[in-house]
Amino acid sequence: MNCPDCGHENIPGADSCEKCGQSLTGMQIPGSEIEQSIIAHPVSVLATKAPFSIDQQVIVRDAIQTMVDRKVGCLLITEDDVLSGIFTERDVLNRITPDPAAMEQPVGNHMSRTPARLKADDSIAYALHTMSINGYRHLPVVDAEDKPVSIVSSRDILRLLAVRFADIRSD
């Protein structure tokens, strides 16, 4: 969706232009039901799970064991309950596997700092866009104080789209 003021191409469903801040509300919404659905619905409608959070002083070995035990692909790292990072399966593969000594270091040394984050009222389209341009599979959802309230995974979005597409196809 192009901004009428500066011409910048924004993601469909953006509330304001990423470049100049011009309001884009009221502009044409894409035609398909799936497009309309992901633009109109906030990430809070996804069946997201409560996030698993750990302190950044937890040893990497224990963090990985927590991920295995809880069958999750990431852990949110918090400091005084505020999001400070994320530790993912990719961090294990890219940062820990090449350096076995890292298993005994604090997870805070190997986490991804200042991860992209969502608010509960951000659209699913915005979440998809953020995942796509950054190569993420997990995005924390935080409250006004930057405290994690849930996490959205690409699998959550795919599950919603599969159900929504099945509903549309059966009409």
N, C-alpha and C. Protein backbone atom coordinates (compact mmCIF):
# COMPACT_ATOMS: atom_id res chain seq x y z
N MET A 1 0.85 -1.15 0.00
CA MET A 1 0.00 0.00 0.00
C MET A 1 0.91 1.22 0.00
N ASN A 2 0.76 2.06 -1.01
CA ASN A 2 1.59 3.25 -1.15
C ASN A 2 1.03 4.41 -0.35
N CYS A 3 1.91 5.15 0.30
CA CYS A 3 1.52 6.33 1.07
C CYS A 3 1.12 7.44 0.10
N PRO A 4 -0.04 8.06 0.31
CA PRO A 4 -0.45 9.14 -0.60
C PRO A 4 0.41 10.39 -0.45
N ASP A 5 1.13 10.54 0.67
CA ASP A 5 1.97 11.73 0.88
C ASP A 5 3.36 11.59 0.27
N CYS A 6 4.06 10.49 0.63
CA CYS A 6 5.46 10.37 0.21
C CYS A 6 5.71 9.28 -0.83
N GLY A 7 4.71 8.44 -1.08
CA GLY A 7 4.85 7.38 -2.08
C GLY A 7 5.53 6.13 -1.57
N HIS A 8 5.94 6.10 -0.30
CA HIS A 8 6.62 4.93 0.27
C HIS A 8 5.67 3.73 0.25
N GLU A 9 6.20 2.57 -0.16
CA GLU A 9 5.39 1.35 -0.16
C GLU A 9 5.42 0.72 1.22
N ASN A 10 4.26 0.63 1.85
CA ASN A 10 4.10 0.06 3.18
C ASN A 10 3.47 -1.31 3.07
N ILE A 11 3.53 -2.08 4.14
CA ILE A 11 2.87 -3.38 4.13
C ILE A 11 1.36 -3.16 4.13
N PRO A 12 0.62 -4.03 3.48
CA PRO A 12 -0.84 -3.90 3.50
C PRO A 12 -1.36 -3.94 4.93
N GLY A 13 -2.25 -3.03 5.25
CA GLY A 13 -2.84 -3.00 6.58
C GLY A 13 -2.13 -2.12 7.58
N ALA A 14 -1.01 -1.50 7.16
CA ALA A 14 -0.30 -0.60 8.07
C ALA A 14 -1.20 0.57 8.45
N ASP A 15 -1.17 0.96 9.71
CA ASP A 15 -1.99 2.08 10.17
C ASP A 15 -1.39 3.43 9.78
N SER A 16 -0.06 3.47 9.68
CA SER A 16 0.60 4.71 9.30
C SER A 16 1.83 4.39 8.46
N CYS A 17 2.26 5.37 7.68
CA CYS A 17 3.41 5.20 6.80
C CYS A 17 4.68 5.02 7.63
N GLU A 18 5.47 4.01 7.29
CA GLU A 18 6.71 3.74 8.01
C GLU A 18 7.73 4.86 7.81
N LYS A 19 7.62 5.59 6.69
CA LYS A 19 8.60 6.63 6.36
C LYS A 19 8.22 8.00 6.91
N CYS A 20 6.98 8.43 6.64
CA CYS A 20 6.60 9.81 7.01
C CYS A 20 5.58 9.89 8.14
N GLY A 21 4.99 8.76 8.54
CA GLY A 21 4.03 8.76 9.63
C GLY A 21 2.60 9.11 9.25
N GLN A 22 2.35 9.39 7.98
CA GLN A 22 1.00 9.74 7.50
C GLN A 22 0.03 8.60 7.81
N SER A 23 -1.16 8.94 8.28
CA SER A 23 -2.17 7.92 8.57
C SER A 23 -2.60 7.23 7.28
N LEU A 24 -2.69 5.92 7.34
CA LEU A 24 -3.13 5.13 6.19
C LEU A 24 -4.47 4.46 6.46
N THR A 25 -5.07 4.77 7.61
CA THR A 25 -6.36 4.15 7.93
C THR A 25 -7.40 4.63 6.94
N GLY A 26 -8.29 3.75 6.60
CA GLY A 26 -9.34 4.07 5.64
C GLY A 26 -8.95 3.81 4.20
N MET A 27 -7.70 3.44 3.95
CA MET A 27 -7.30 3.13 2.57
C MET A 27 -7.87 1.78 2.19
N GLN A 28 -7.86 1.48 0.91
CA GLN A 28 -8.47 0.26 0.40
C GLN A 28 -7.86 -0.98 1.04
N ILE A 29 -8.74 -1.87 1.49
CA ILE A 29 -8.32 -3.15 2.06
C ILE A 29 -8.30 -4.19 0.94
N PRO A 30 -7.27 -5.03 0.87
CA PRO A 30 -7.19 -6.04 -0.18
C PRO A 30 -8.45 -6.91 -0.25
N GLY A 31 -8.65 -7.51 -1.43
CA GLY A 31 -9.89 -8.19 -1.72
C GLY A 31 -10.13 -9.55 -1.11
N SER A 32 -9.14 -10.42 -1.03
CA SER A 32 -9.43 -11.78 -0.59
C SER A 32 -9.77 -11.81 0.90
N GLU A 33 -10.55 -12.81 1.27
CA GLU A 33 -10.96 -12.93 2.67
C GLU A 33 -9.77 -13.19 3.59
N ILE A 34 -8.81 -13.95 3.11
CA ILE A 34 -7.63 -14.22 3.93
C ILE A 34 -6.85 -12.94 4.16
N GLU A 35 -6.64 -12.15 3.10
CA GLU A 35 -5.93 -10.88 3.26
C GLU A 35 -6.66 -9.96 4.23
N GLN A 36 -7.96 -9.86 4.06
CA GLN A 36 -8.75 -9.02 4.96
C GLN A 36 -8.64 -9.52 6.40
N SER A 37 -8.64 -10.82 6.57
CA SER A 37 -8.59 -11.41 7.90
C SER A 37 -7.28 -11.11 8.62
N ILE A 38 -6.14 -11.28 7.93
CA ILE A 38 -4.86 -11.05 8.61
C ILE A 38 -4.60 -9.57 8.86
N ILE A 39 -5.24 -8.71 8.07
CA ILE A 39 -5.10 -7.27 8.30
C ILE A 39 -6.02 -6.82 9.43
N ALA A 40 -7.21 -7.36 9.45
CA ALA A 40 -8.22 -6.92 10.42
C ALA A 40 -8.02 -7.48 11.82
N HIS A 41 -7.41 -8.66 11.93
CA HIS A 41 -7.33 -9.32 13.23
C HIS A 41 -5.98 -9.07 13.91
N PRO A 42 -6.02 -8.78 15.20
CA PRO A 42 -4.78 -8.60 15.96
C PRO A 42 -4.18 -9.95 16.34
N VAL A 43 -2.90 -9.93 16.68
CA VAL A 43 -2.23 -11.17 17.07
C VAL A 43 -2.84 -11.77 18.33
N SER A 44 -3.58 -10.99 19.08
CA SER A 44 -4.20 -11.53 20.30
C SER A 44 -5.25 -12.60 20.01
N VAL A 45 -5.74 -12.69 18.75
CA VAL A 45 -6.73 -13.73 18.42
C VAL A 45 -6.07 -15.09 18.21
N LEU A 46 -4.77 -15.11 18.04
CA LEU A 46 -4.07 -16.38 17.85
C LEU A 46 -4.06 -17.14 19.18
N ALA A 47 -4.11 -18.43 19.09
CA ALA A 47 -4.09 -19.27 20.30
C ALA A 47 -2.65 -19.37 20.78
N THR A 48 -2.12 -18.25 21.26
CA THR A 48 -0.73 -18.24 21.70
C THR A 48 -0.62 -18.74 23.13
N LYS A 49 0.52 -19.30 23.40
CA LYS A 49 0.79 -19.84 24.73
C LYS A 49 1.49 -18.78 25.57
N ALA A 50 1.38 -18.93 26.86
CA ALA A 50 2.15 -18.06 27.75
C ALA A 50 3.63 -18.32 27.48
N PRO A 51 4.43 -17.29 27.45
CA PRO A 51 5.85 -17.50 27.13
C PRO A 51 6.60 -18.09 28.31
N PHE A 52 7.64 -18.84 28.00
CA PHE A 52 8.55 -19.33 29.02
C PHE A 52 9.69 -18.34 29.11
N SER A 53 9.89 -17.80 30.29
CA SER A 53 10.93 -16.79 30.49
C SER A 53 11.95 -17.30 31.50
N ILE A 54 13.20 -16.91 31.26
CA ILE A 54 14.27 -17.22 32.20
C ILE A 54 15.13 -15.98 32.38
N ASP A 55 15.91 -15.99 33.43
CA ASP A 55 16.85 -14.90 33.70
C ASP A 55 18.08 -15.08 32.83
N GLN A 56 18.73 -13.99 32.49
CA GLN A 56 19.90 -14.08 31.61
C GLN A 56 21.12 -14.71 32.27
N GLN A 57 21.07 -14.96 33.57
CA GLN A 57 22.18 -15.62 34.27
C GLN A 57 22.08 -17.15 34.24
N VAL A 58 20.96 -17.68 33.76
CA VAL A 58 20.80 -19.13 33.65
C VAL A 58 21.86 -19.67 32.69
N ILE A 59 22.44 -20.80 33.04
CA ILE A 59 23.48 -21.43 32.21
C ILE A 59 22.84 -21.99 30.94
N VAL A 60 23.54 -21.87 29.82
CA VAL A 60 23.05 -22.30 28.52
C VAL A 60 22.56 -23.75 28.56
N ARG A 61 23.33 -24.63 29.19
CA ARG A 61 22.94 -26.05 29.27
C ARG A 61 21.53 -26.18 29.88
N ASP A 62 21.27 -25.44 30.94
CA ASP A 62 19.96 -25.49 31.60
C ASP A 62 18.87 -24.87 30.72
N ALA A 63 19.21 -23.82 30.01
CA ALA A 63 18.24 -23.19 29.10
C ALA A 63 17.83 -24.17 28.00
N ILE A 64 18.81 -24.85 27.43
CA ILE A 64 18.51 -25.83 26.37
C ILE A 64 17.66 -26.96 26.93
N GLN A 65 17.99 -27.43 28.13
CA GLN A 65 17.20 -28.50 28.74
C GLN A 65 15.76 -28.04 28.98
N THR A 66 15.57 -26.80 29.38
CA THR A 66 14.23 -26.25 29.56
C THR A 66 13.47 -26.25 28.23
N MET A 67 14.15 -25.87 27.15
CA MET A 67 13.51 -25.88 25.83
C MET A 67 13.09 -27.30 25.44
N VAL A 68 13.95 -28.26 25.70
CA VAL A 68 13.64 -29.66 25.38
C VAL A 68 12.48 -30.16 26.24
N ASP A 69 12.55 -29.91 27.54
CA ASP A 69 11.51 -30.38 28.46
C ASP A 69 10.14 -29.79 28.13
N ARG A 70 10.12 -28.53 27.77
CA ARG A 70 8.84 -27.85 27.51
C ARG A 70 8.42 -27.91 26.04
N LYS A 71 9.29 -28.51 25.22
CA LYS A 71 9.00 -28.66 23.78
C LYS A 71 8.70 -27.32 23.13
N VAL A 72 9.61 -26.36 23.35
CA VAL A 72 9.48 -25.03 22.76
C VAL A 72 10.73 -24.70 21.96
N GLY A 73 10.57 -23.81 20.99
CA GLY A 73 11.67 -23.42 20.12
C GLY A 73 12.43 -22.20 20.60
N CYS A 74 11.93 -21.58 21.68
CA CYS A 74 12.63 -20.41 22.19
C CYS A 74 12.25 -20.13 23.63
N LEU A 75 13.10 -19.37 24.27
CA LEU A 75 12.84 -18.88 25.63
C LEU A 75 13.03 -17.37 25.61
N LEU A 76 12.17 -16.66 26.31
CA LEU A 76 12.34 -15.22 26.45
C LEU A 76 13.24 -14.96 27.64
N ILE A 77 14.15 -14.03 27.48
CA ILE A 77 15.08 -13.68 28.54
C ILE A 77 14.60 -12.36 29.15
N THR A 78 14.44 -12.38 30.46
CA THR A 78 13.93 -11.18 31.13
C THR A 78 14.89 -10.72 32.22
N GLU A 79 14.80 -9.44 32.50
CA GLU A 79 15.52 -8.85 33.61
C GLU A 79 14.51 -8.00 34.36
N ASP A 80 14.24 -8.34 35.60
CA ASP A 80 13.18 -7.69 36.39
C ASP A 80 11.84 -7.77 35.66
N ASP A 81 11.55 -8.92 35.08
CA ASP A 81 10.31 -9.21 34.35
C ASP A 81 10.16 -8.45 33.04
N VAL A 82 11.15 -7.67 32.63
CA VAL A 82 11.11 -6.92 31.37
C VAL A 82 11.92 -7.68 30.33
N LEU A 83 11.39 -7.75 29.10
CA LEU A 83 12.06 -8.47 28.02
C LEU A 83 13.42 -7.86 27.71
N SER A 84 14.46 -8.69 27.73
CA SER A 84 15.79 -8.20 27.38
C SER A 84 16.41 -8.98 26.23
N GLY A 85 15.82 -10.13 25.88
CA GLY A 85 16.36 -10.91 24.78
C GLY A 85 15.53 -12.15 24.52
N ILE A 86 15.97 -12.92 23.53
CA ILE A 86 15.31 -14.17 23.18
C ILE A 86 16.42 -15.18 22.86
N PHE A 87 16.22 -16.41 23.28
CA PHE A 87 17.18 -17.49 23.02
C PHE A 87 16.43 -18.55 22.25
N THR A 88 16.89 -18.83 21.02
CA THR A 88 16.17 -19.71 20.12
C THR A 88 17.00 -20.91 19.70
N GLU A 89 16.33 -21.83 19.02
CA GLU A 89 17.02 -22.99 18.47
C GLU A 89 18.14 -22.55 17.53
N ARG A 90 17.91 -21.49 16.79
CA ARG A 90 18.95 -20.99 15.88
C ARG A 90 20.16 -20.49 16.66
N ASP A 91 19.92 -19.86 17.81
CA ASP A 91 21.05 -19.43 18.64
C ASP A 91 21.87 -20.64 19.07
N VAL A 92 21.20 -21.73 19.41
CA VAL A 92 21.91 -22.96 19.79
C VAL A 92 22.76 -23.44 18.62
N LEU A 93 22.17 -23.52 17.43
CA LEU A 93 22.90 -24.03 16.27
C LEU A 93 24.05 -23.12 15.85
N ASN A 94 23.81 -21.81 15.84
CA ASN A 94 24.81 -20.88 15.31
C ASN A 94 25.82 -20.38 16.32
N ARG A 95 25.45 -20.36 17.60
CA ARG A 95 26.35 -19.78 18.60
C ARG A 95 26.91 -20.79 19.59
N ILE A 96 26.16 -21.83 19.88
CA ILE A 96 26.58 -22.78 20.92
C ILE A 96 27.29 -23.98 20.32
N THR A 97 26.73 -24.56 19.27
CA THR A 97 27.32 -25.75 18.67
C THR A 97 28.78 -25.55 18.26
N PRO A 98 29.14 -24.41 17.64
CA PRO A 98 30.55 -24.23 17.26
C PRO A 98 31.50 -24.07 18.46
N ASP A 99 30.95 -23.75 19.63
CA ASP A 99 31.78 -23.49 20.81
C ASP A 99 31.22 -24.25 22.02
N PRO A 100 31.57 -25.53 22.18
CA PRO A 100 31.02 -26.34 23.27
C PRO A 100 31.21 -25.73 24.66
N ALA A 101 32.24 -24.92 24.86
CA ALA A 101 32.46 -24.28 26.16
C ALA A 101 31.33 -23.31 26.51
N ALA A 102 30.60 -22.86 25.50
CA ALA A 102 29.49 -21.93 25.72
C ALA A 102 28.36 -22.58 26.52
N MET A 103 28.32 -23.90 26.54
CA MET A 103 27.26 -24.61 27.28
C MET A 103 27.27 -24.25 28.77
N GLU A 104 28.43 -23.85 29.29
CA GLU A 104 28.56 -23.55 30.72
C GLU A 104 28.54 -22.05 31.00
N GLN A 105 28.22 -21.24 30.00
CA GLN A 105 28.16 -19.79 30.17
C GLN A 105 26.72 -19.33 30.36
N PRO A 106 26.53 -18.11 30.86
CA PRO A 106 25.17 -17.58 31.01
C PRO A 106 24.50 -17.39 29.65
N VAL A 107 23.21 -17.70 29.59
CA VAL A 107 22.46 -17.58 28.35
C VAL A 107 22.46 -16.13 27.85
N GLY A 108 22.59 -15.18 28.76
CA GLY A 108 22.63 -13.77 28.38
C GLY A 108 23.79 -13.43 27.45
N ASN A 109 24.86 -14.24 27.49
CA ASN A 109 26.00 -14.02 26.60
C ASN A 109 25.70 -14.46 25.17
N HIS A 110 24.67 -15.27 24.97
CA HIS A 110 24.42 -15.87 23.66
C HIS A 110 23.02 -15.62 23.12
N MET A 111 22.22 -14.87 23.83
CA MET A 111 20.86 -14.58 23.38
C MET A 111 20.88 -13.52 22.28
N SER A 112 19.78 -13.40 21.59
CA SER A 112 19.59 -12.30 20.64
C SER A 112 19.03 -11.14 21.46
N ARG A 113 19.78 -10.06 21.50
CA ARG A 113 19.38 -8.90 22.31
C ARG A 113 18.36 -8.03 21.58
N THR A 114 17.58 -7.33 22.35
CA THR A 114 16.54 -6.41 21.85
C THR A 114 15.78 -6.99 20.65
N PRO A 115 15.11 -8.10 20.87
CA PRO A 115 14.37 -8.71 19.75
C PRO A 115 13.20 -7.84 19.31
N ALA A 116 12.81 -8.02 18.06
CA ALA A 116 11.57 -7.38 17.60
C ALA A 116 10.46 -7.89 18.48
N ARG A 117 9.46 -7.06 18.71
CA ARG A 117 8.36 -7.45 19.58
C ARG A 117 7.05 -6.90 19.05
N LEU A 118 5.98 -7.51 19.50
CA LEU A 118 4.64 -7.11 19.10
C LEU A 118 3.87 -6.62 20.32
N LYS A 119 2.83 -5.85 20.04
CA LYS A 119 1.82 -5.50 21.04
C LYS A 119 0.60 -6.36 20.70
N ALA A 120 -0.25 -6.63 21.67
CA ALA A 120 -1.40 -7.52 21.46
C ALA A 120 -2.34 -7.02 20.37
N ASP A 121 -2.36 -5.71 20.13
CA ASP A 121 -3.27 -5.17 19.11
C ASP A 121 -2.62 -5.01 17.74
N ASP A 122 -1.36 -5.42 17.58
CA ASP A 122 -0.73 -5.41 16.25
C ASP A 122 -1.41 -6.44 15.36
N SER A 123 -1.53 -6.12 14.09
CA SER A 123 -2.22 -7.03 13.17
C SER A 123 -1.37 -8.27 12.88
N ILE A 124 -2.05 -9.33 12.49
CA ILE A 124 -1.36 -10.55 12.07
C ILE A 124 -0.50 -10.25 10.85
N ALA A 125 -0.98 -9.37 9.97
CA ALA A 125 -0.21 -8.98 8.79
C ALA A 125 1.12 -8.34 9.21
N TYR A 126 1.07 -7.50 10.23
CA TYR A 126 2.30 -6.87 10.72
C TYR A 126 3.26 -7.92 11.28
N ALA A 127 2.73 -8.89 12.01
CA ALA A 127 3.57 -9.97 12.55
C ALA A 127 4.23 -10.75 11.42
N LEU A 128 3.45 -11.10 10.40
CA LEU A 128 4.00 -11.83 9.25
C LEU A 128 5.08 -11.03 8.55
N HIS A 129 4.83 -9.74 8.37
CA HIS A 129 5.80 -8.87 7.71
C HIS A 129 7.11 -8.83 8.52
N THR A 130 6.99 -8.65 9.82
CA THR A 130 8.17 -8.59 10.68
C THR A 130 8.94 -9.91 10.64
N MET A 131 8.24 -11.02 10.68
CA MET A 131 8.89 -12.33 10.59
C MET A 131 9.60 -12.49 9.24
N SER A 132 8.92 -12.09 8.19
CA SER A 132 9.45 -12.27 6.84
C SER A 132 10.71 -11.45 6.60
N ILE A 133 10.68 -10.17 6.92
CA ILE A 133 11.83 -9.33 6.60
C ILE A 133 13.04 -9.61 7.50
N ASN A 134 12.80 -10.16 8.68
CA ASN A 134 13.90 -10.43 9.61
C ASN A 134 14.28 -11.90 9.71
N GLY A 135 13.51 -12.78 9.10
CA GLY A 135 13.81 -14.21 9.17
C GLY A 135 13.51 -14.83 10.53
N TYR A 136 12.53 -14.26 11.25
CA TYR A 136 12.16 -14.78 12.57
C TYR A 136 11.07 -15.82 12.46
N ARG A 137 11.05 -16.75 13.43
CA ARG A 137 9.95 -17.70 13.55
C ARG A 137 9.15 -17.47 14.82
N HIS A 138 9.68 -16.66 15.73
CA HIS A 138 9.01 -16.36 16.99
C HIS A 138 9.10 -14.86 17.27
N LEU A 139 7.98 -14.29 17.73
CA LEU A 139 7.96 -12.88 18.13
C LEU A 139 7.28 -12.76 19.49
N PRO A 140 7.96 -12.16 20.46
CA PRO A 140 7.33 -11.94 21.75
C PRO A 140 6.25 -10.88 21.65
N VAL A 141 5.19 -11.05 22.42
CA VAL A 141 4.14 -10.04 22.55
C VAL A 141 4.31 -9.46 23.95
N VAL A 142 4.44 -8.13 24.02
CA VAL A 142 4.69 -7.47 25.30
C VAL A 142 3.58 -6.48 25.63
N ASP A 143 3.48 -6.15 26.92
CA ASP A 143 2.51 -5.15 27.35
C ASP A 143 3.15 -3.76 27.32
N ALA A 144 2.47 -2.77 27.85
CA ALA A 144 2.95 -1.39 27.82
C ALA A 144 4.26 -1.20 28.59
N GLU A 145 4.53 -2.08 29.56
CA GLU A 145 5.78 -1.99 30.34
C GLU A 145 6.88 -2.87 29.76
N ASP A 146 6.67 -3.41 28.58
CA ASP A 146 7.63 -4.29 27.89
C ASP A 146 7.81 -5.62 28.61
N LYS A 147 6.77 -6.04 29.32
CA LYS A 147 6.77 -7.35 29.98
C LYS A 147 6.10 -8.36 29.05
N PRO A 148 6.74 -9.52 28.83
CA PRO A 148 6.16 -10.52 27.93
C PRO A 148 4.81 -11.04 28.42
N VAL A 149 3.85 -11.10 27.49
CA VAL A 149 2.54 -11.66 27.82
C VAL A 149 2.24 -12.92 27.02
N SER A 150 2.85 -13.05 25.85
CA SER A 150 2.69 -14.25 25.04
C SER A 150 3.78 -14.26 23.97
N ILE A 151 3.74 -15.27 23.15
CA ILE A 151 4.68 -15.36 22.04
C ILE A 151 3.92 -15.87 20.83
N VAL A 152 4.20 -15.30 19.67
CA VAL A 152 3.55 -15.71 18.43
C VAL A 152 4.60 -16.42 17.58
N SER A 153 4.26 -17.60 17.10
CA SER A 153 5.18 -18.33 16.23
C SER A 153 4.60 -18.38 14.82
N SER A 154 5.47 -18.63 13.87
CA SER A 154 5.00 -18.78 12.49
C SER A 154 4.01 -19.94 12.40
N ARG A 155 4.20 -20.94 13.23
CA ARG A 155 3.28 -22.08 13.25
C ARG A 155 1.88 -21.66 13.71
N ASP A 156 1.80 -20.75 14.68
CA ASP A 156 0.50 -20.23 15.13
C ASP A 156 -0.24 -19.57 13.97
N ILE A 157 0.49 -18.78 13.20
CA ILE A 157 -0.13 -18.07 12.07
C ILE A 157 -0.53 -19.05 10.97
N LEU A 158 0.33 -20.01 10.68
CA LEU A 158 -0.01 -21.01 9.66
C LEU A 158 -1.23 -21.82 10.07
N ARG A 159 -1.33 -22.15 11.34
CA ARG A 159 -2.49 -22.89 11.84
C ARG A 159 -3.77 -22.08 11.62
N LEU A 160 -3.74 -20.79 11.95
CA LEU A 160 -4.90 -19.92 11.74
C LEU A 160 -5.26 -19.84 10.26
N LEU A 161 -4.26 -19.67 9.41
CA LEU A 161 -4.53 -19.57 7.97
C LEU A 161 -5.09 -20.87 7.42
N ALA A 162 -4.59 -22.00 7.90
CA ALA A 162 -5.10 -23.29 7.44
C ALA A 162 -6.57 -23.45 7.80
N VAL A 163 -6.93 -23.08 9.01
CA VAL A 163 -8.33 -23.17 9.44
C VAL A 163 -9.18 -22.19 8.65
N ARG A 164 -8.68 -20.97 8.51
CA ARG A 164 -9.43 -19.92 7.78
C ARG A 164 -9.60 -20.32 6.31
N PHE A 165 -8.54 -20.85 5.70
CA PHE A 165 -8.62 -21.26 4.30
C PHE A 165 -9.61 -22.41 4.14
N ALA A 166 -9.61 -23.34 5.09
CA ALA A 166 -10.57 -24.46 5.03
C ALA A 166 -11.99 -23.94 5.10
N ASP A 167 -12.24 -22.93 5.95
CA ASP A 167 -13.58 -22.34 6.04
C ASP A 167 -13.98 -21.68 4.73
N ILE A 168 -13.05 -20.96 4.12
CA ILE A 168 -13.35 -20.27 2.86
C ILE A 168 -13.60 -21.28 1.75
N ARG A 169 -12.79 -22.33 1.69
CA ARG A 169 -12.91 -23.34 0.64
C ARG A 169 -14.22 -24.12 0.75
N SER A 170 -14.75 -24.24 1.96
CA SER A 170 -15.97 -25.03 2.14
C SER A 170 -17.23 -24.22 1.84
N ASP A 171 -17.08 -22.90 1.64
CA ASP A 171 -18.25 -22.05 1.34
C ASP A 171 -18.77 -22.26 -0.07
